[in-house]
Amino acid sequence: MEKVFLRVDCECTPDGDVRPVKFLWINKQWYDVDLIVDVRRAPSLKVGGKGICYTCRVKERIVRLFRDGDRWYLEPA
């Protein structure tokens, strides 16, 4: 599997944390992040790489959104 890098709109908290708010998928549709369930450093076992993993709820599904430096990608289901 190949990484698909995404456009992600985020917010920065006063503490310096970065939180994804929504992302643009390859079908040109925006998806809102309904809830961030967990944030931690973790590897992506499906497409390789590591970074900050945001486990999020998006439209009743749990997805793993990764931030690797300044780039974002979604781990495939």
PDB file of N, CA and C in Angstrom:
ATOM      1  N   MET A   1       0.840  -1.184   0.000  1.00  0.00           N
ATOM      2  CA  MET A   1       0.000   0.000   0.000  1.00  0.00           C
ATOM      3  C   MET A   1       0.882   1.243   0.000  1.00  0.00           C
ATOM      4  N   GLU A   2       0.387   2.261  -0.601  1.00  0.00           N
ATOM      5  CA  GLU A   2       1.125   3.506  -0.734  1.00  0.00           C
ATOM      6  C   GLU A   2       0.464   4.598   0.101  1.00  0.00           C
ATOM      7  N   LYS A   3       1.291   5.454   0.674  1.00  0.00           N
ATOM      8  CA  LYS A   3       0.740   6.570   1.461  1.00  0.00           C
ATOM      9  C   LYS A   3       0.039   7.548   0.539  1.00  0.00           C
ATOM     10  N   VAL A   4      -1.101   8.028   0.983  1.00  0.00           N
ATOM     11  CA  VAL A   4      -1.819   9.085   0.273  1.00  0.00           C
ATOM     12  C   VAL A   4      -1.819  10.293   1.194  1.00  0.00           C
ATOM     13  N   PHE A   5      -1.074  11.321   0.795  1.00  0.00           N
ATOM     14  CA  PHE A   5      -0.987  12.521   1.615  1.00  0.00           C
ATOM     15  C   PHE A   5      -2.213  13.393   1.376  1.00  0.00           C
ATOM     16  N   LEU A   6      -2.688  14.022   2.452  1.00  0.00           N
ATOM     17  CA  LEU A   6      -3.947  14.747   2.434  1.00  0.00           C
ATOM     18  C   LEU A   6      -3.766  16.199   2.825  1.00  0.00           C
ATOM     19  N   ARG A   7      -4.736  16.999   2.399  1.00  0.00           N
ATOM     20  CA  ARG A   7      -4.850  18.354   2.925  1.00  0.00           C
ATOM     21  C   ARG A   7      -5.676  18.251   4.205  1.00  0.00           C
ATOM     22  N   VAL A   8      -5.147  18.808   5.298  1.00  0.00           N
ATOM     23  CA  VAL A   8      -5.829  18.753   6.592  1.00  0.00           C
ATOM     24  C   VAL A   8      -5.921  20.166   7.147  1.00  0.00           C
ATOM     25  N   ASP A   9      -7.113  20.563   7.552  1.00  0.00           N
ATOM     26  CA  ASP A   9      -7.297  21.826   8.265  1.00  0.00           C
ATOM     27  C   ASP A   9      -7.206  21.521   9.744  1.00  0.00           C
ATOM     28  N   CYS A  10      -6.389  22.286  10.458  1.00  0.00           N
ATOM     29  CA  CYS A  10      -6.153  22.029  11.882  1.00  0.00           C
ATOM     30  C   CYS A  10      -6.376  23.305  12.676  1.00  0.00           C
ATOM     31  N   GLU A  11      -6.425  23.105  13.971  1.00  0.00           N
ATOM     32  CA  GLU A  11      -6.421  24.238  14.885  1.00  0.00           C
ATOM     33  C   GLU A  11      -5.243  24.042  15.837  1.00  0.00           C
ATOM     34  N   CYS A  12      -4.675  25.141  16.260  1.00  0.00           N
ATOM     35  CA  CYS A  12      -3.576  25.123  17.219  1.00  0.00           C
ATOM     36  C   CYS A  12      -4.096  25.677  18.533  1.00  0.00           C
ATOM     37  N   THR A  13      -3.873  24.932  19.607  1.00  0.00           N
ATOM     38  CA  THR A  13      -4.334  25.362  20.918  1.00  0.00           C
ATOM     39  C   THR A  13      -3.316  26.324  21.527  1.00  0.00           C
ATOM     40  N   PRO A  14      -3.701  27.088  22.536  1.00  0.00           N
ATOM     41  CA  PRO A  14      -2.750  27.972  23.207  1.00  0.00           C
ATOM     42  C   PRO A  14      -1.553  27.219  23.809  1.00  0.00           C
ATOM     43  N   ASP A  15      -1.739  25.924  24.092  1.00  0.00           N
ATOM     44  CA  ASP A  15      -0.644  25.105  24.628  1.00  0.00           C
ATOM     45  C   ASP A  15       0.323  24.635  23.546  1.00  0.00           C
ATOM     46  N   GLY A  16      -0.004  24.898  22.283  1.00  0.00           N
ATOM     47  CA  GLY A  16       0.853  24.489  21.182  1.00  0.00           C
ATOM     48  C   GLY A  16       0.469  23.172  20.548  1.00  0.00           C
ATOM     49  N   ASP A  17      -0.612  22.562  21.003  1.00  0.00           N
ATOM     50  CA  ASP A  17      -1.072  21.311  20.399  1.00  0.00           C
ATOM     51  C   ASP A  17      -1.725  21.585  19.056  1.00  0.00           C
ATOM     52  N   VAL A  18      -1.541  20.656  18.129  1.00  0.00           N
ATOM     53  CA  VAL A  18      -2.165  20.731  16.809  1.00  0.00           C
ATOM     54  C   VAL A  18      -3.249  19.672  16.759  1.00  0.00           C
ATOM     55  N   ARG A  19      -4.455  20.063  16.360  1.00  0.00           N
ATOM     56  CA  ARG A  19      -5.595  19.144  16.298  1.00  0.00           C
ATOM     57  C   ARG A  19      -6.237  19.218  14.918  1.00  0.00           C
ATOM     58  N   PRO A  20      -6.395  18.071  14.246  1.00  0.00           N
ATOM     59  CA  PRO A  20      -7.090  18.086  12.949  1.00  0.00           C
ATOM     60  C   PRO A  20      -8.577  18.381  13.137  1.00  0.00           C
ATOM     61  N   VAL A  21      -9.123  19.186  12.234  1.00  0.00           N
ATOM     62  CA  VAL A  21     -10.546  19.544  12.273  1.00  0.00           C
ATOM     63  C   VAL A  21     -11.295  18.868  11.124  1.00  0.00           C
ATOM     64  N   LYS A  22     -10.671  18.860   9.939  1.00  0.00           N
ATOM     65  CA  LYS A  22     -11.267  18.209   8.771  1.00  0.00           C
ATOM     66  C   LYS A  22     -10.161  17.915   7.771  1.00  0.00           C
ATOM     67  N   PHE A  23     -10.453  16.995   6.828  1.00  0.00           N
ATOM     68  CA  PHE A  23      -9.458  16.667   5.806  1.00  0.00           C
ATOM     69  C   PHE A  23     -10.143  16.464   4.466  1.00  0.00           C
ATOM     70  N   LEU A  24      -9.369  16.670   3.411  1.00  0.00           N
ATOM     71  CA  LEU A  24      -9.843  16.518   2.040  1.00  0.00           C
ATOM     72  C   LEU A  24      -9.347  15.178   1.518  1.00  0.00           C
ATOM     73  N   TRP A  25     -10.277  14.272   1.225  1.00  0.00           N
ATOM     74  CA  TRP A  25      -9.943  12.937   0.746  1.00  0.00           C
ATOM     75  C   TRP A  25      -9.726  12.970  -0.757  1.00  0.00           C
ATOM     76  N   ILE A  26      -9.238  11.876  -1.321  1.00  0.00           N
ATOM     77  CA  ILE A  26      -8.897  11.838  -2.745  1.00  0.00           C
ATOM     78  C   ILE A  26     -10.112  11.974  -3.660  1.00  0.00           C
ATOM     79  N   ASN A  27     -11.319  11.766  -3.121  1.00  0.00           N
ATOM     80  CA  ASN A  27     -12.533  11.934  -3.925  1.00  0.00           C
ATOM     81  C   ASN A  27     -13.004  13.392  -3.943  1.00  0.00           C
ATOM     82  N   LYS A  28     -12.148  14.297  -3.439  1.00  0.00           N
ATOM     83  CA  LYS A  28     -12.409  15.754  -3.404  1.00  0.00           C
ATOM     84  C   LYS A  28     -13.530  16.128  -2.432  1.00  0.00           C
ATOM     85  N   GLN A  29     -13.808  15.258  -1.469  1.00  0.00           N
ATOM     86  CA  GLN A  29     -14.830  15.530  -0.465  1.00  0.00           C
ATOM     87  C   GLN A  29     -14.161  15.798   0.874  1.00  0.00           C
ATOM     88  N   TRP A  30     -14.670  16.827   1.576  1.00  0.00           N
ATOM     89  CA  TRP A  30     -14.176  17.151   2.915  1.00  0.00           C
ATOM     90  C   TRP A  30     -14.868  16.266   3.937  1.00  0.00           C
ATOM     91  N   TYR A  31     -14.106  15.810   4.924  1.00  0.00           N
ATOM     92  CA  TYR A  31     -14.644  15.015   6.028  1.00  0.00           C
ATOM     93  C   TYR A  31     -14.294  15.708   7.341  1.00  0.00           C
ATOM     94  N   ASP A  32     -15.305  15.913   8.172  1.00  0.00           N
ATOM     95  CA  ASP A  32     -15.103  16.527   9.484  1.00  0.00           C
ATOM     96  C   ASP A  32     -14.649  15.476  10.488  1.00  0.00           C
ATOM     97  N   VAL A  33     -13.708  15.875  11.339  1.00  0.00           N
ATOM     98  CA  VAL A  33     -13.310  15.029  12.458  1.00  0.00           C
ATOM     99  C   VAL A  33     -14.308  15.297  13.572  1.00  0.00           C
ATOM    100  N   ASP A  34     -15.126  14.299  13.888  1.00  0.00           N
ATOM    101  CA  ASP A  34     -16.166  14.463  14.903  1.00  0.00           C
ATOM    102  C   ASP A  34     -15.601  14.431  16.315  1.00  0.00           C
ATOM    103  N   LEU A  35     -14.584  13.581  16.527  1.00  0.00           N
ATOM    104  CA  LEU A  35     -14.025  13.413  17.863  1.00  0.00           C
ATOM    105  C   LEU A  35     -12.608  12.873  17.742  1.00  0.00           C
ATOM    106  N   ILE A  36     -11.698  13.399  18.534  1.00  0.00           N
ATOM    107  CA  ILE A  36     -10.348  12.837  18.627  1.00  0.00           C
ATOM    108  C   ILE A  36     -10.341  11.931  19.853  1.00  0.00           C
ATOM    109  N   VAL A  37     -10.151  10.649  19.613  1.00  0.00           N
ATOM    110  CA  VAL A  37     -10.222   9.654  20.667  1.00  0.00           C
ATOM    111  C   VAL A  37      -8.885   9.515  21.396  1.00  0.00           C
ATOM    112  N   ASP A  38      -7.773   9.604  20.636  1.00  0.00           N
ATOM    113  CA  ASP A  38      -6.450   9.393  21.221  1.00  0.00           C
ATOM    114  C   ASP A  38      -5.404  10.085  20.361  1.00  0.00           C
ATOM    115  N   VAL A  39      -4.323  10.531  21.000  1.00  0.00           N
ATOM    116  CA  VAL A  39      -3.188  11.135  20.301  1.00  0.00           C
ATOM    117  C   VAL A  39      -1.921  10.554  20.918  1.00  0.00           C
ATOM    118  N   ARG A  40      -1.038  10.000  20.059  1.00  0.00           N
ATOM    119  CA  ARG A  40       0.226   9.454  20.558  1.00  0.00           C
ATOM    120  C   ARG A  40       1.203   9.250  19.420  1.00  0.00           C
ATOM    121  N   ARG A  41       2.478   9.163  19.741  1.00  0.00           N
ATOM    122  CA  ARG A  41       3.486   8.786  18.753  1.00  0.00           C
ATOM    123  C   ARG A  41       3.304   7.305  18.452  1.00  0.00           C
ATOM    124  N   ALA A  42       3.273   6.974  17.166  1.00  0.00           N
ATOM    125  CA  ALA A  42       3.050   5.570  16.798  1.00  0.00           C
ATOM    126  C   ALA A  42       3.487   5.334  15.360  1.00  0.00           C
ATOM    127  N   PRO A  43       3.855   4.092  15.041  1.00  0.00           N
ATOM    128  CA  PRO A  43       4.144   3.761  13.648  1.00  0.00           C
ATOM    129  C   PRO A  43       2.864   3.419  12.905  1.00  0.00           C
ATOM    130  N   SER A  44       2.885   3.625  11.606  1.00  0.00           N
ATOM    131  CA  SER A  44       1.799   3.135  10.762  1.00  0.00           C
ATOM    132  C   SER A  44       2.223   1.775  10.258  1.00  0.00           C
ATOM    133  N   LEU A  45       1.591   0.730  10.746  1.00  0.00           N
ATOM    134  CA  LEU A  45       1.980  -0.625  10.388  1.00  0.00           C
ATOM    135  C   LEU A  45       1.521  -1.016   8.993  1.00  0.00           C
ATOM    136  N   LYS A  46       0.553  -0.299   8.441  1.00  0.00           N
ATOM    137  CA  LYS A  46       0.006  -0.671   7.129  1.00  0.00           C
ATOM    138  C   LYS A  46       0.741  -0.020   5.965  1.00  0.00           C
ATOM    139  N   VAL A  47       1.211   1.230   6.135  1.00  0.00           N
ATOM    140  CA  VAL A  47       1.879   1.916   5.023  1.00  0.00           C
ATOM    141  C   VAL A  47       3.288   2.374   5.375  1.00  0.00           C
ATOM    142  N   GLY A  48       3.743   2.067   6.578  1.00  0.00           N
ATOM    143  CA  GLY A  48       5.083   2.441   6.991  1.00  0.00           C
ATOM    144  C   GLY A  48       5.160   3.890   7.447  1.00  0.00           C
ATOM    145  N   GLY A  49       6.219   4.196   8.113  1.00  0.00           N
ATOM    146  CA  GLY A  49       6.411   5.543   8.630  1.00  0.00           C
ATOM    147  C   GLY A  49       5.970   5.635  10.073  1.00  0.00           C
ATOM    148  N   LYS A  50       6.258   6.775  10.654  1.00  0.00           N
ATOM    149  CA  LYS A  50       5.837   7.009  12.030  1.00  0.00           C
ATOM    150  C   LYS A  50       5.629   8.489  12.220  1.00  0.00           C
ATOM    151  N   GLY A  51       4.967   8.822  13.278  1.00  0.00           N
ATOM    152  CA  GLY A  51       4.682  10.222  13.571  1.00  0.00           C
ATOM    153  C   GLY A  51       3.672  10.307  14.689  1.00  0.00           C
ATOM    154  N   ILE A  52       2.901  11.367  14.677  1.00  0.00           N
ATOM    155  CA  ILE A  52       1.840  11.528  15.655  1.00  0.00           C
ATOM    156  C   ILE A  52       0.580  10.913  15.060  1.00  0.00           C
ATOM    157  N   CYS A  53       0.012   9.961  15.780  1.00  0.00           N
ATOM    158  CA  CYS A  53      -1.196   9.284  15.327  1.00  0.00           C
ATOM    159  C   CYS A  53      -2.392   9.874  16.062  1.00  0.00           C
ATOM    160  N   TYR A  54      -3.353  10.352  15.304  1.00  0.00           N
ATOM    161  CA  TYR A  54      -4.614  10.860  15.832  1.00  0.00           C
ATOM    162  C   TYR A  54      -5.678   9.822  15.518  1.00  0.00           C
ATOM    163  N   THR A  55      -6.151   9.126  16.530  1.00  0.00           N
ATOM    164  CA  THR A  55      -7.257   8.197  16.346  1.00  0.00           C
ATOM    165  C   THR A  55      -8.530   9.021  16.448  1.00  0.00           C
ATOM    166  N   CYS A  56      -9.296   9.058  15.363  1.00  0.00           N
ATOM    167  CA  CYS A  56     -10.436   9.975  15.254  1.00  0.00           C
ATOM    168  C   CYS A  56     -11.710   9.228  14.878  1.00  0.00           C
ATOM    169  N   ARG A  57     -12.825   9.827  15.235  1.00  0.00           N
ATOM    170  CA  ARG A  57     -14.118   9.347  14.750  1.00  0.00           C
ATOM    171  C   ARG A  57     -14.559  10.288  13.642  1.00  0.00           C
ATOM    172  N   VAL A  58     -14.844   9.704  12.484  1.00  0.00           N
ATOM    173  CA  VAL A  58     -15.300  10.446  11.308  1.00  0.00           C
ATOM    174  C   VAL A  58     -16.502   9.705  10.747  1.00  0.00           C
ATOM    175  N   LYS A  59     -17.665  10.332  10.783  1.00  0.00           N
ATOM    176  CA  LYS A  59     -18.892   9.710  10.266  1.00  0.00           C
ATOM    177  C   LYS A  59     -19.090   8.298  10.819  1.00  0.00           C
ATOM    178  N   GLU A  60     -19.031   8.155  12.129  1.00  0.00           N
ATOM    179  CA  GLU A  60     -19.279   6.888  12.823  1.00  0.00           C
ATOM    180  C   GLU A  60     -18.202   5.837  12.600  1.00  0.00           C
ATOM    181  N   ARG A  61     -17.092   6.195  11.959  1.00  0.00           N
ATOM    182  CA  ARG A  61     -15.985   5.257  11.755  1.00  0.00           C
ATOM    183  C   ARG A  61     -14.773   5.747  12.529  1.00  0.00           C
ATOM    184  N   ILE A  62     -13.952   4.820  12.988  1.00  0.00           N
ATOM    185  CA  ILE A  62     -12.699   5.168  13.641  1.00  0.00           C
ATOM    186  C   ILE A  62     -11.600   5.088  12.585  1.00  0.00           C
ATOM    187  N   VAL A  63     -10.833   6.173  12.448  1.00  0.00           N
ATOM    188  CA  VAL A  63      -9.737   6.235  11.477  1.00  0.00           C
ATOM    189  C   VAL A  63      -8.473   6.680  12.205  1.00  0.00           C
ATOM    190  N   ARG A  64      -7.322   6.334  11.613  1.00  0.00           N
ATOM    191  CA  ARG A  64      -6.029   6.749  12.161  1.00  0.00           C
ATOM    192  C   ARG A  64      -5.397   7.732  11.188  1.00  0.00           C
ATOM    193  N   LEU A  65      -5.327   8.982  11.619  1.00  0.00           N
ATOM    194  CA  LEU A  65      -4.762  10.070  10.830  1.00  0.00           C
ATOM    195  C   LEU A  65      -3.378  10.367  11.382  1.00  0.00           C
ATOM    196  N   PHE A  66      -2.355  10.362  10.514  1.00  0.00           N
ATOM    197  CA  PHE A  66      -0.974  10.556  10.945  1.00  0.00           C
ATOM    198  C   PHE A  66      -0.436  11.904  10.493  1.00  0.00           C
ATOM    199  N   ARG A  67       0.339  12.528  11.383  1.00  0.00           N
ATOM    200  CA  ARG A  67       1.090  13.746  11.042  1.00  0.00           C
ATOM    201  C   ARG A  67       2.559  13.382  11.131  1.00  0.00           C
ATOM    202  N   ASP A  68       3.215  13.419   9.988  1.00  0.00           N
ATOM    203  CA  ASP A  68       4.640  13.104   9.893  1.00  0.00           C
ATOM    204  C   ASP A  68       5.353  14.374   9.466  1.00  0.00           C
ATOM    205  N   GLY A  69       5.851  15.130  10.442  1.00  0.00           N
ATOM    206  CA  GLY A  69       6.423  16.442  10.151  1.00  0.00           C
ATOM    207  C   GLY A  69       5.315  17.395   9.761  1.00  0.00           C
ATOM    208  N   ASP A  70       5.395  17.922   8.543  1.00  0.00           N
ATOM    209  CA  ASP A  70       4.367  18.845   8.043  1.00  0.00           C
ATOM    210  C   ASP A  70       3.378  18.166   7.104  1.00  0.00           C
ATOM    211  N   ARG A  71       3.448  16.854   6.990  1.00  0.00           N
ATOM    212  CA  ARG A  71       2.574  16.132   6.061  1.00  0.00           C
ATOM    213  C   ARG A  71       1.619  15.231   6.828  1.00  0.00           C
ATOM    214  N   TRP A  72       0.430  15.049   6.262  1.00  0.00           N
ATOM    215  CA  TRP A  72      -0.622  14.242   6.873  1.00  0.00           C
ATOM    216  C   TRP A  72      -1.014  13.117   5.928  1.00  0.00           C
ATOM    217  N   TYR A  73      -1.307  11.955   6.494  1.00  0.00           N
ATOM    218  CA  TYR A  73      -1.858  10.862   5.700  1.00  0.00           C
ATOM    219  C   TYR A  73      -2.783  10.020   6.568  1.00  0.00           C
ATOM    220  N   LEU A  74      -3.676   9.310   5.909  1.00  0.00           N
ATOM    221  CA  LEU A  74      -4.670   8.474   6.575  1.00  0.00           C
ATOM    222  C   LEU A  74      -4.255   7.019   6.384  1.00  0.00           C
ATOM    223  N   GLU A  75      -4.242   6.259   7.477  1.00  0.00           N
ATOM    224  CA  GLU A  75      -3.918   4.849   7.366  1.00  0.00           C
ATOM    225  C   GLU A  75      -5.128   4.129   6.781  1.00  0.00           C
ATOM    226  N   PRO A  76      -4.949   3.334   5.713  1.00  0.00           N
ATOM    227  CA  PRO A  76      -6.094   2.639   5.110  1.00  0.00           C
ATOM    228  C   PRO A  76      -6.710   1.640   6.072  1.00  0.00           C
ATOM    229  N   ALA A  77      -8.000   1.422   5.914  1.00  0.00           N
ATOM    230  CA  ALA A  77      -8.723   0.466   6.787  1.00  0.00           C
ATOM    231  C   ALA A  77      -8.357  -0.957   6.472  1.00  0.00           C
TER     232      ALA A  77
END
